[in-house]
C-alpha cells in the first residue's frame, strides 16, 4: 500500500525531524531531489543537461527555497538558471544567496504586470520549476502568478504540489499549474490522489528526506497494481463452480433490462464460479449470458454467498420489495443505484439488515448527496463519516474513487482519466465487487481491486489497448468514447494485466 498523509501530519513529522536534523540540511535534501528530477526530464526530452535553460518560479516560503537551492545545484551541472521572484521581499534568503553564488540569474516578476525579463526567462526555458506555493496554500493562483504560468510552454517540475491545486481535496477552482513531474517529500499528499490533483501532478517522484520514521499512520492508502493482481481470484486445481463463490444479482426491470445484463456481465467477467440472476429481466439475461442461472425472484434464486442489488430495480414498491428480500437473506450485499435511493428515502430499510452482515454502498456524487443532503467537498472526510454512521463500506465513485470502512480506514484509487464516466459502467462495477466478495474477499479490498480493474478496463477499451506507461510530457494515447458494454468486454484484459504485474514483482 502507498500511504497518503495530510499536510498537518507532514508538518508534525517535519517538526520532529528538525529536532534531530538541521532544517537547512533537510532543505538541501529536498532540493537535490528536485534537481535530480529536472535533470532526468531534460535528459529524457532533450538528450543532455549541460547548456539547457531552466526557469524557477519562486514564491515566498520553503517551496520557493527548495526551488532556489535546486537551481544552485543545476548551475553546478552547467544549466542556465533564472529565478523569477513573485514576492521579491519574501524569497528564501539562503536559497537566493546560494543561487547567486553558483552564477544563477535573478529577476523580479513585476507588480501588476510581468516584466520583460520574466517573460523572456519563462518563454525560453526548457524546463520550469514551480516553487510558487506549498502545502499551506489554499485557492487558485493569484493574478501575477497566473500570468507567469500562462507564459510557460515548457514542461513543469512542481515542488511538493502543482501550485493552485488544493492540498487537501485536490480541487482546482481557478488558475493552477499542470506539471509533467511533481517532486514531493516523504510521502504522497491528498492533492496527489484526489480530484484534479493526479492529472495536474503528472508523474510523482517521492523523495526520502528523512520524514519516514516521524510520520504517523497515513490518513488513507492507495492499493498498488501488484497488490490487486496478487489477490485476484483464479481457479485452483481443486476448485469447482461452487467453491469459487456464487453471486446473486437482483437488478434490472422490464423497463431497464440493460442494467441486469451489465451487472451480471461484470460478475461473469470478474471471476469464475457461478452467478445467479433474480428479477424480471431473466429472459434477456439468459439470452446474453447463457451460463447464468436466471429466475424471476430473489426467493427462487437459490443459495448464494453475496448479493449485488440495485441497478434498474426502480424506487417504487417493487424495488423496495427486492431490496428488502436481499437484506433479509443475511448475506453480504453490494447496494447501488436505485437501492441507494431507496435507503435514502426509507429509514425502515436500515432496520431490515443484519448489522453484523457486510453492506457496501457504491454511490456516485448525486446518490451520495441523497444519503447525506449535500455533495461532498472533502471527499475523504465525508465518505469516512457516512461509513461510520451507516456501519457500511462506502465507495464514492469519481475520477478518484474513495472507499471507507466503518472503522475509519480509507482506500483511494486515483483513476487519472474519465473514460468510465458513461451510463451503465457503475452497473458493471456493482457486479464486479459483488463477485469478489462472493469469493470470500473482504469488502473494502474487494472494492479497491474492482475499482482498479474497472478503471483500467475503461482505459484499455477507450484507447484500443494503447494506454501504456509513457514519459513525462508525452501525449496521452488517442482514445475514443466508449459505452459500458465496451468497458465490460475489456475487463478480462485488465485482469490479465494486473496479474502479469503481480507475477513480475513476486
Protein backbone atom coordinates (compact mmCIF):
# COMPACT_ATOMS: atom_id res chain seq x y z
CA UNK A 1 0.00 0.00 0.00
CA UNK A 2 1.10 3.55 -0.70
CA UNK A 3 0.38 5.89 2.20
CA UNK A 4 -1.18 9.34 1.86
CA UNK A 5 -0.59 11.91 4.60
CA UNK A 6 -2.41 15.17 5.27
CA UNK A 7 -0.45 18.44 5.29
CA UNK A 8 -0.96 18.66 9.06
CA UNK A 9 0.62 15.25 9.65
CA UNK A 10 3.51 16.13 7.34
CA UNK A 11 4.16 19.35 9.24
CA UNK A 12 4.12 17.43 12.54
CA UNK A 13 6.65 14.97 11.11
CA UNK A 14 8.85 17.84 9.92
CA UNK A 15 8.87 19.39 13.39
CA UNK A 16 10.00 16.07 14.87
CA UNK A 17 12.67 15.67 12.19
CA UNK A 18 14.05 19.18 12.78
CA UNK A 19 14.78 18.25 16.40
CA UNK A 20 17.50 15.91 15.18
CA UNK A 21 18.46 17.28 11.75
CA UNK A 22 19.04 20.96 10.96
CA UNK A 23 16.35 22.45 8.71
CA UNK A 24 18.88 23.64 6.06
CA UNK A 25 20.17 20.08 5.72
CA UNK A 26 16.64 18.80 5.12
CA UNK A 27 16.01 21.56 2.58
CA UNK A 28 19.12 20.61 0.65
CA UNK A 29 17.94 17.00 0.57
CA UNK A 30 14.65 18.19 -0.91
CA UNK A 31 16.42 20.48 -3.37
CA UNK A 32 18.64 17.64 -4.52
CA UNK A 33 15.55 15.58 -5.28
CA UNK A 34 14.09 18.43 -7.33
CA UNK A 35 17.37 18.91 -9.22
CA UNK A 36 17.56 15.18 -10.00
CA UNK A 37 14.03 15.20 -11.41
CA UNK A 38 14.78 18.28 -13.54
CA UNK A 39 17.97 16.68 -14.85
CA UNK A 40 16.07 13.50 -15.66
CA UNK A 41 13.41 15.42 -17.53
CA UNK A 42 15.99 17.38 -19.53
CA UNK A 43 17.76 14.17 -20.48
CA UNK A 44 14.52 12.41 -21.44
CA UNK A 45 13.31 15.26 -23.61
CA UNK A 46 16.47 16.88 -24.95
CA UNK A 47 19.23 14.30 -24.55
CA UNK A 48 21.53 16.28 -22.27
CA UNK A 49 21.61 18.62 -19.27
CA UNK A 50 24.54 20.99 -19.78
CA UNK A 51 23.69 24.10 -21.75
CA UNK A 52 19.95 23.86 -21.22
CA UNK A 53 17.84 26.60 -19.65
CA UNK A 54 15.71 26.29 -16.51
CA UNK A 55 13.43 28.95 -15.05
CA UNK A 56 12.38 28.91 -11.40
CA UNK A 57 9.01 30.36 -10.43
CA UNK A 58 9.75 31.36 -6.84
CA UNK A 59 7.16 32.35 -4.27
CA UNK A 60 7.53 33.06 -0.57
CA UNK A 61 8.34 30.25 1.83
CA UNK A 62 10.18 26.97 1.78
CA UNK A 63 8.90 25.68 -1.56
CA UNK A 64 10.50 28.68 -3.19
CA UNK A 65 13.62 27.94 -1.15
CA UNK A 66 13.69 24.36 -2.42
CA UNK A 67 13.45 25.69 -5.99
CA UNK A 68 16.32 28.16 -5.42
CA UNK A 69 18.60 25.54 -3.87
CA UNK A 70 17.75 23.17 -6.72
CA UNK A 71 18.69 25.93 -9.15
CA UNK A 72 22.10 26.25 -7.47
CA UNK A 73 22.68 22.52 -7.87
CA UNK A 74 21.66 22.69 -11.53
CA UNK A 75 24.13 25.50 -12.14
CA UNK A 76 26.86 23.11 -10.98
CA UNK A 77 25.82 20.85 -13.88
CA UNK A 78 26.13 23.60 -16.47
CA UNK A 79 22.46 24.57 -16.65
CA UNK A 80 21.49 28.18 -17.24
CA UNK A 81 19.15 29.07 -14.37
CA UNK A 82 16.98 32.14 -13.96
CA UNK A 83 14.85 32.65 -10.86
CA UNK A 84 11.67 34.67 -11.38
CA UNK A 85 10.72 36.11 -7.98
CA UNK A 86 6.99 36.57 -7.46
CA UNK A 87 7.47 38.01 -3.97
CA UNK A 88 10.99 39.54 -4.01
CA UNK A 89 10.92 40.73 -0.42
CA UNK A 90 9.83 37.32 0.88
CA UNK A 91 12.00 34.98 -1.17
CA UNK A 92 14.08 32.48 0.79
CA UNK A 93 17.26 34.41 1.66
CA UNK A 94 19.70 31.49 1.94
CA UNK A 95 18.40 29.93 -1.27
CA UNK A 96 18.84 33.23 -3.09
CA UNK A 97 22.42 33.57 -1.87
CA UNK A 98 23.20 30.01 -2.95
CA UNK A 99 21.79 30.55 -6.44
CA UNK A 100 23.63 33.81 -6.94
CA UNK A 101 26.88 32.29 -5.64
CA UNK A 102 26.50 29.49 -8.20
CA UNK A 103 26.11 32.01 -11.03
CA UNK A 104 22.34 31.92 -11.35
CA UNK A 105 20.37 34.89 -12.60
CA UNK A 106 17.58 36.52 -10.58
CA UNK A 107 14.78 38.70 -11.98
CA UNK A 108 11.62 40.09 -10.45
CA UNK A 109 8.27 39.04 -11.84
CA UNK A 110 6.84 42.53 -11.56
CA UNK A 111 3.95 44.12 -9.76
CA UNK A 112 0.64 44.16 -11.57
CA UNK A 113 2.21 43.02 -14.85
CA UNK A 114 5.09 40.72 -15.70
CA UNK A 115 8.42 42.32 -16.52
CA UNK A 116 10.02 41.73 -19.90
CA UNK A 117 12.88 39.85 -18.23
CA UNK A 118 10.43 37.49 -16.51
CA UNK A 119 8.53 36.81 -19.74
CA UNK A 120 11.76 36.11 -21.63
CA UNK A 121 13.07 33.72 -18.97
CA UNK A 122 9.83 31.74 -18.87
CA UNK A 123 9.39 31.57 -22.65
CA UNK A 124 12.98 30.46 -23.32
CA UNK A 125 13.14 27.81 -20.60
CA UNK A 126 13.49 24.13 -21.45
CA UNK A 127 12.02 23.22 -18.04
CA UNK A 128 10.26 25.38 -15.46
CA UNK A 129 10.32 24.64 -11.73
CA UNK A 130 7.12 25.53 -9.86
CA UNK A 131 8.08 26.76 -6.39
CA UNK A 132 5.19 29.22 -6.09
CA UNK A 133 3.29 27.90 -3.06
CA UNK A 134 3.40 24.95 -0.67
CA UNK A 135 1.09 22.70 1.30
CA UNK A 136 -0.28 25.58 3.39
CA UNK A 137 -1.74 27.34 0.35
CA UNK A 138 -5.41 27.50 -0.49
CA UNK A 139 -7.31 28.64 -3.54
CA UNK A 140 -6.23 29.38 -7.11
CA UNK A 141 -3.11 31.21 -8.21
CA UNK A 142 -3.03 34.95 -7.67
CA UNK A 143 -3.16 37.09 -10.82
CA UNK A 144 0.58 37.72 -11.18
CA UNK A 145 1.45 34.04 -10.65
CA UNK A 146 -1.31 33.01 -13.05
CA UNK A 147 0.07 35.42 -15.65
CA UNK A 148 3.53 33.91 -15.20
CA UNK A 149 2.23 30.36 -15.63
CA UNK A 150 0.46 31.41 -18.84
CA UNK A 151 3.87 32.25 -20.35
CA UNK A 152 5.18 28.72 -19.79
CA UNK A 153 5.36 26.38 -22.77
CA UNK A 154 7.99 24.00 -21.37
CA UNK A 155 7.29 21.05 -19.07
CA UNK A 156 6.94 21.93 -15.39
CA UNK A 157 8.51 20.23 -12.39
CA UNK A 158 6.38 21.13 -9.36
CA UNK A 159 7.82 21.26 -5.85
CA UNK A 160 5.55 19.26 -3.49
CA UNK A 161 2.34 20.08 -5.40
CA UNK A 162 1.23 21.92 -8.53
CA UNK A 163 0.51 25.45 -7.31
CA UNK A 164 -3.20 26.27 -7.35
CA UNK A 165 -4.29 22.72 -6.55
CA UNK A 166 -5.95 22.44 -3.13
CA UNK A 167 -3.58 20.44 -0.89
CA UNK A 168 -6.39 18.62 0.94
CA UNK A 169 -9.07 18.00 -1.70
CA UNK A 170 -7.13 18.15 -4.97
CA UNK A 171 -9.72 20.62 -6.26
CA UNK A 172 -8.86 23.24 -8.88
CA UNK A 173 -11.07 26.30 -8.64
CA UNK A 174 -9.17 28.69 -10.90
CA UNK A 175 -5.73 29.15 -12.43
CA UNK A 176 -3.34 26.34 -11.48
CA UNK A 177 -0.17 24.66 -12.66
CA UNK A 178 -0.22 21.48 -14.73
CA UNK A 179 3.03 19.64 -14.06
CA UNK A 180 4.82 16.97 -16.06
CA UNK A 181 6.50 15.85 -12.82
CA UNK A 182 5.74 16.61 -9.19
CA UNK A 183 8.50 16.07 -6.64
CA UNK A 184 7.15 15.51 -3.15
CA UNK A 185 8.91 14.67 0.09
CA UNK A 186 8.40 11.78 2.47
CA UNK A 187 5.12 10.51 1.03
CA UNK A 188 2.04 11.28 -1.02
CA UNK A 189 -0.33 14.06 -0.03
CA UNK A 190 -4.11 14.16 -0.66
CA UNK A 191 -3.64 16.53 -3.60
CA UNK A 192 -1.68 13.82 -5.43
CA UNK A 193 -4.54 11.32 -5.37
CA UNK A 194 -7.80 13.31 -5.13
CA UNK A 195 -9.85 15.42 -7.51
CA UNK A 196 -7.96 17.05 -10.35
CA UNK A 197 -4.70 16.57 -8.44
CA UNK A 198 -3.48 13.36 -10.12
CA UNK A 199 -3.91 14.79 -13.62
CA UNK A 200 -2.30 18.09 -12.62
CA UNK A 201 0.61 16.38 -10.84
CA UNK A 202 1.87 14.31 -13.75
CA UNK A 203 4.44 11.73 -12.72
CA UNK A 204 5.02 11.69 -8.98
CA UNK A 205 8.58 11.42 -7.66
CA UNK A 206 8.57 10.73 -3.89
CA UNK A 207 11.89 11.77 -2.30
CA UNK A 208 13.16 10.45 1.03
CA UNK A 209 14.32 13.37 3.17
CA UNK A 210 14.18 11.51 6.49
CA UNK A 211 10.48 12.01 7.32
CA UNK A 212 9.60 8.30 7.26
CA UNK A 213 10.25 7.43 10.93
CA UNK A 214 8.37 10.53 12.05
CA UNK A 215 5.19 10.06 10.02
CA UNK A 216 2.12 8.77 11.83
CA UNK A 217 -0.34 6.35 10.24
CA UNK A 218 -1.45 7.59 6.82
CA UNK A 219 -4.86 9.16 6.51
CA UNK A 220 -5.62 6.96 3.52
CA UNK A 221 -3.83 4.49 1.26
CA UNK A 222 -3.57 3.54 -2.41
CA UNK A 223 -3.52 -0.12 -3.41
CA UNK A 224 -0.76 -0.82 -5.92
CA UNK A 225 -1.28 -2.76 -9.14
CA UNK A 226 0.71 -5.78 -8.00
CA UNK A 227 -1.42 -5.95 -4.83
CA UNK A 228 -4.55 -6.01 -6.98
CA UNK A 229 -3.14 -8.79 -9.13
CA UNK A 230 -1.75 -10.94 -6.32
CA UNK A 231 -5.16 -11.36 -4.69
CA UNK A 232 -7.30 -11.64 -7.83
CA UNK A 233 -9.24 -14.92 -7.58
CA UNK A 234 -8.50 -17.56 -10.22
CA UNK A 235 -9.45 -21.26 -10.23
CA UNK A 236 -7.27 -23.60 -8.19
CA UNK A 237 -6.76 -27.23 -9.17
CA UNK A 238 -9.27 -28.41 -6.55
CA UNK A 239 -11.97 -25.79 -7.29
CA UNK A 240 -15.43 -26.33 -8.72
CA UNK A 241 -18.10 -23.81 -9.67
CA UNK A 242 -19.45 -23.60 -6.13
CA UNK A 243 -16.16 -23.32 -4.27
CA UNK A 244 -15.26 -20.18 -6.25
CA UNK A 245 -18.26 -18.27 -4.94
CA UNK A 246 -21.85 -17.83 -6.08
CA UNK A 247 -23.14 -14.29 -6.54
CA UNK A 248 -26.80 -13.38 -6.62
CA UNK A 249 -27.75 -10.39 -8.79
CA UNK A 250 -31.03 -8.53 -8.25
CA UNK A 251 -31.04 -5.83 -10.90
CA UNK A 252 -32.97 -4.56 -13.87
CA UNK A 253 -36.63 -4.49 -14.74
CA UNK A 254 -38.84 -4.71 -17.80
CA UNK A 255 -38.07 -1.02 -18.37
CA UNK A 256 -34.33 -1.29 -17.69
CA UNK A 257 -33.20 -4.80 -18.70
CA UNK A 258 -29.75 -3.47 -19.66
CA UNK A 259 -28.93 -2.82 -16.02
CA UNK A 260 -29.37 -6.52 -15.32
CA UNK A 261 -27.25 -7.52 -18.32
CA UNK A 262 -24.39 -5.20 -17.33
CA UNK A 263 -24.41 -6.08 -13.62
CA UNK A 264 -24.44 -9.79 -14.38
CA UNK A 265 -21.74 -9.28 -17.01
CA UNK A 266 -19.50 -7.51 -14.52
CA UNK A 267 -19.71 -10.55 -12.27
CA UNK A 268 -19.19 -13.10 -15.05
CA UNK A 269 -16.14 -11.30 -16.43
CA UNK A 270 -14.55 -10.84 -12.98
CA UNK A 271 -14.11 -14.38 -11.69
CA UNK A 272 -15.07 -17.99 -12.31
CA UNK A 273 -17.66 -19.76 -10.24
CA UNK A 274 -21.34 -19.09 -10.61
CA UNK A 275 -23.79 -16.20 -10.98
CA UNK A 276 -27.49 -16.41 -10.23
CA UNK A 277 -29.86 -13.74 -11.51
CA UNK A 278 -33.21 -12.94 -9.86
CA UNK A 279 -35.59 -10.49 -11.47
CA UNK A 280 -37.96 -9.57 -14.29
CA UNK A 281 -35.19 -9.37 -16.93
CA UNK A 282 -34.45 -13.10 -16.66
CA UNK A 283 -35.13 -13.85 -20.34
CA UNK A 284 -32.85 -11.04 -21.52
CA UNK A 285 -30.11 -12.14 -19.12
CA UNK A 286 -30.33 -15.77 -20.31
CA UNK A 287 -30.04 -14.63 -23.91
CA UNK A 288 -26.89 -12.59 -23.26
CA UNK A 289 -25.34 -14.78 -20.55
CA UNK A 290 -26.40 -18.42 -21.05
CA UNK A 291 -24.03 -19.54 -18.26
CA UNK A 292 -26.10 -17.66 -15.67
CA UNK A 293 -28.91 -19.35 -13.73
CA UNK A 294 -31.81 -16.89 -14.07
CA UNK A 295 -35.05 -16.88 -12.09
CA UNK A 296 -37.85 -14.42 -11.58
CA UNK A 297 -37.48 -13.54 -7.91
CA UNK A 298 -34.97 -13.37 -5.07
CA UNK A 299 -36.81 -16.12 -3.22
CA UNK A 300 -36.30 -18.54 -6.12
CA UNK A 301 -32.63 -17.72 -6.73
CA UNK A 302 -31.12 -20.48 -4.62
CA UNK A 303 -28.06 -20.35 -2.37
CA UNK A 304 -25.55 -17.53 -2.85
CA UNK A 305 -22.56 -16.15 -0.94
CA UNK A 306 -23.34 -12.46 -1.66
CA UNK A 307 -25.77 -10.18 -3.47
CA UNK A 308 -25.39 -7.27 -5.87
CA UNK A 309 -28.62 -5.27 -5.89
CA UNK A 310 -30.00 -2.01 -7.14
CA UNK A 311 -29.25 -1.07 -10.76
CA UNK A 312 -32.53 -0.62 -12.59
CA UNK A 313 -34.84 -2.13 -9.94
CA UNK A 314 -36.79 1.11 -9.58
CA UNK A 315 -37.55 3.17 -6.50
CA UNK A 316 -41.19 2.22 -6.04
CA UNK A 317 -42.84 -0.59 -4.11
CA UNK A 318 -41.44 -3.34 -6.37
CA UNK A 319 -37.87 -2.11 -5.98
CA UNK A 320 -38.29 -1.81 -2.23
CA UNK A 321 -39.55 -5.39 -2.05
CA UNK A 322 -36.49 -6.61 -3.94
CA UNK A 323 -34.08 -4.74 -1.68
CA UNK A 324 -35.83 -5.89 1.48
CA UNK A 325 -35.69 -9.52 0.31
CA UNK A 326 -31.97 -9.28 -0.39
CA UNK A 327 -31.30 -7.71 3.01
CA UNK A 328 -33.34 -10.46 4.65
CA UNK A 329 -31.02 -13.11 3.18
CA UNK A 330 -28.31 -12.26 5.77
CA UNK A 331 -25.65 -12.40 3.04
CA UNK A 332 -23.18 -9.61 2.23
CA UNK A 333 -24.85 -7.02 0.00
CA UNK A 334 -23.46 -4.56 -2.55
CA UNK A 335 -26.13 -1.87 -2.97
CA UNK A 336 -26.00 0.57 -5.89
CA UNK A 337 -28.18 2.99 -7.85
CA UNK A 338 -31.89 2.57 -7.03
CA UNK A 339 -31.05 0.63 -3.86
CA UNK A 340 -29.16 3.67 -2.52
CA UNK A 341 -32.08 5.94 -3.37
CA UNK A 342 -34.40 3.57 -1.51
CA UNK A 343 -32.11 3.56 1.53
CA UNK A 344 -32.05 7.38 1.45
CA UNK A 345 -35.82 7.66 1.36
CA UNK A 346 -36.91 4.88 3.71
CA UNK A 347 -35.23 4.60 7.11
CA UNK A 348 -37.06 1.34 7.86
CA UNK A 349 -34.85 -0.41 5.30
CA UNK A 350 -31.84 0.13 7.55
CA UNK A 351 -33.66 -1.88 10.21
CA UNK A 352 -34.16 -4.75 7.75
CA UNK A 353 -30.45 -5.51 7.56
CA UNK A 354 -28.45 -7.59 9.98
CA UNK A 355 -25.85 -5.12 11.33
CA UNK A 356 -23.27 -7.92 11.56
CA UNK A 357 -23.55 -8.70 7.83
CA UNK A 358 -21.38 -6.60 5.50
CA UNK A 359 -23.09 -3.90 3.45
CA UNK A 360 -21.37 -1.99 0.66
CA UNK A 361 -22.85 1.24 -0.73
CA UNK A 362 -21.50 2.45 -4.09
CA UNK A 363 -22.96 5.91 -4.77
CA UNK A 364 -21.96 8.48 -7.32
CA UNK A 365 -21.97 12.05 -6.04
CA UNK A 366 -25.67 12.61 -6.71
CA UNK A 367 -26.65 9.45 -4.84
CA UNK A 368 -24.23 10.36 -2.06
CA UNK A 369 -26.00 13.71 -1.75
CA UNK A 370 -29.31 11.90 -1.32
CA UNK A 371 -27.83 9.97 1.60
CA UNK A 372 -26.36 12.99 3.41
CA UNK A 373 -28.17 16.01 1.99
CA UNK A 374 -25.27 17.59 0.10
CA UNK A 375 -22.44 16.81 -2.27
CA UNK A 376 -19.07 16.17 -0.60
CA UNK A 377 -16.38 18.85 -0.55
CA UNK A 378 -13.70 16.93 1.33
CA UNK A 379 -14.41 13.51 -0.19
CA UNK A 380 -12.28 11.52 2.24
CA UNK A 381 -13.77 13.09 5.36
CA UNK A 382 -17.31 12.86 4.02
CA UNK A 383 -17.08 9.20 2.98
CA UNK A 384 -15.41 8.24 6.27
CA UNK A 385 -18.26 9.84 8.22
CA UNK A 386 -21.02 8.15 6.19
CA UNK A 387 -19.32 4.77 6.51
CA UNK A 388 -19.19 5.21 10.28
CA UNK A 389 -22.76 6.41 10.53
CA UNK A 390 -24.21 3.70 8.28
CA UNK A 391 -21.93 0.92 9.56
CA UNK A 392 -21.16 0.08 5.95
CA UNK A 393 -18.31 0.17 3.49
CA UNK A 394 -18.91 3.19 1.27
CA UNK A 395 -17.40 3.56 -2.20
CA UNK A 396 -17.82 7.04 -3.65
CA UNK A 397 -17.32 6.98 -7.40
CA UNK A 398 -15.40 9.60 -9.33
CA UNK A 399 -12.14 10.07 -11.20
CA UNK A 400 -10.71 9.25 -7.77
CA UNK A 401 -12.68 6.50 -6.07
CA UNK A 402 -12.81 6.82 -2.28
CA UNK A 403 -13.57 3.74 -0.16
CA UNK A 404 -14.11 3.92 3.61
CA UNK A 405 -14.62 1.22 6.24
CA UNK A 406 -16.86 1.81 9.27
CA UNK A 407 -13.70 1.82 11.42
CA UNK A 408 -12.32 4.83 9.52
CA UNK A 409 -9.78 3.18 7.22
CA UNK A 410 -9.79 4.71 3.74
CA UNK A 411 -8.53 3.42 0.40
CA UNK A 412 -8.43 5.59 -2.70
CA UNK A 413 -7.93 4.80 -6.36
CA UNK A 414 -6.83 7.80 -8.45
CA UNK A 415 -8.03 6.99 -11.94
CA UNK A 416 -6.40 9.91 -13.76
CA UNK A 417 -8.97 9.82 -16.57
CA UNK A 418 -12.75 9.86 -17.05
CA UNK A 419 -13.28 7.02 -19.54
CA UNK A 420 -15.58 5.11 -17.11
CA UNK A 421 -17.91 8.13 -16.92
CA UNK A 422 -20.57 6.57 -19.13
CA UNK A 423 -24.05 5.23 -18.49
CA UNK A 424 -24.05 1.69 -17.15
CA UNK A 425 -20.41 1.50 -16.10
CA UNK A 426 -21.46 1.65 -12.45
CA UNK A 427 -23.66 -1.42 -13.02
CA UNK A 428 -20.59 -3.31 -14.24
CA UNK A 429 -18.67 -2.25 -11.12
CA UNK A 430 -21.51 -3.43 -8.87
CA UNK A 431 -21.30 -6.90 -10.38
CA UNK A 432 -17.51 -6.94 -10.11
CA UNK A 433 -17.47 -6.01 -6.42
CA UNK A 434 -20.20 -8.49 -5.59
CA UNK A 435 -18.39 -11.35 -7.32
CA UNK A 436 -15.13 -10.63 -5.47
CA UNK A 437 -16.97 -10.60 -2.15
CA UNK A 438 -18.71 -13.87 -3.08
CA UNK A 439 -15.28 -15.49 -3.45
CA UNK A 440 -14.59 -14.63 0.21
CA UNK A 441 -12.69 -11.36 -0.23
CA UNK A 442 -13.22 -8.70 2.44
CA UNK A 443 -15.49 -5.86 1.22
CA UNK A 444 -13.07 -2.92 1.39
CA UNK A 445 -10.19 -4.53 -0.56
CA UNK A 446 -12.75 -6.05 -2.94
CA UNK A 447 -13.97 -2.53 -3.70
CA UNK A 448 -10.44 -1.24 -4.23
CA UNK A 449 -9.43 -4.11 -6.51
CA UNK A 450 -12.62 -3.91 -8.54
CA UNK A 451 -12.30 -0.13 -8.93
CA UNK A 452 -8.69 -0.51 -10.13
CA UNK A 453 -9.52 -3.13 -12.77
CA UNK A 454 -12.73 -1.33 -13.78
CA UNK A 455 -10.82 1.90 -14.45
CA UNK A 456 -8.08 0.09 -16.33
CA UNK A 457 -10.63 -1.79 -18.47
CA UNK A 458 -12.24 1.52 -19.44
CA UNK A 459 -8.86 2.94 -20.44
CA UNK A 460 -7.97 -0.14 -22.49
CA UNK A 461 -11.34 -0.05 -24.24
CA UNK A 462 -11.09 3.68 -24.98
CA UNK A 463 -7.55 3.57 -26.34
CA UNK A 464 -7.70 0.21 -28.09
CA UNK A 465 -5.11 -1.17 -25.69
CA UNK A 466 -2.61 1.64 -26.36
CA UNK A 467 -2.75 3.16 -22.87
CA UNK A 468 0.68 2.04 -21.74
CA UNK A 469 3.04 3.97 -19.44
CA UNK A 470 4.61 6.99 -21.12
CA UNK A 471 7.33 9.51 -20.47
CA UNK A 472 6.58 12.82 -18.70
CA UNK A 473 5.25 15.38 -21.14
CA UNK A 474 4.49 12.73 -23.77
CA UNK A 475 1.00 12.98 -25.25
CA UNK A 476 -1.58 10.56 -23.93
CA UNK A 477 -2.70 7.87 -26.38
CA UNK A 478 -5.63 8.90 -28.53
CA UNK A 479 -8.86 7.46 -27.23
CA UNK A 480 -12.48 7.36 -28.30
CA UNK A 481 -15.64 7.50 -26.19
CA UNK A 482 -16.91 4.11 -25.08
CA UNK A 483 -20.07 2.62 -23.70
CA UNK A 484 -20.32 0.35 -20.70
CA UNK A 485 -20.50 -2.72 -22.96
CA UNK A 486 -17.02 -1.95 -24.35
CA UNK A 487 -15.70 -1.49 -20.81
CA UNK A 488 -17.22 -4.83 -19.84
CA UNK A 489 -15.52 -6.65 -22.71
CA UNK A 490 -12.12 -5.24 -21.66
CA UNK A 491 -12.33 -6.50 -18.06
CA UNK A 492 -10.55 -9.83 -18.79
CA UNK A 493 -7.66 -7.96 -20.45
CA UNK A 494 -7.38 -5.69 -17.41
CA UNK A 495 -7.37 -8.72 -15.10
CA UNK A 496 -4.62 -10.36 -17.15
CA UNK A 497 -2.60 -7.16 -16.94
CA UNK A 498 -2.75 -6.78 -13.16
CA UNK A 499 -1.95 -10.45 -12.71
CA UNK A 500 1.04 -10.11 -15.04
CA UNK A 501 2.30 -7.16 -12.96
CA UNK A 502 1.89 -9.23 -9.81
CA UNK A 503 3.82 -12.11 -11.37
CA UNK A 504 6.65 -9.79 -12.39
CA UNK A 505 7.21 -8.50 -8.84
CA UNK A 506 6.64 -11.73 -6.92
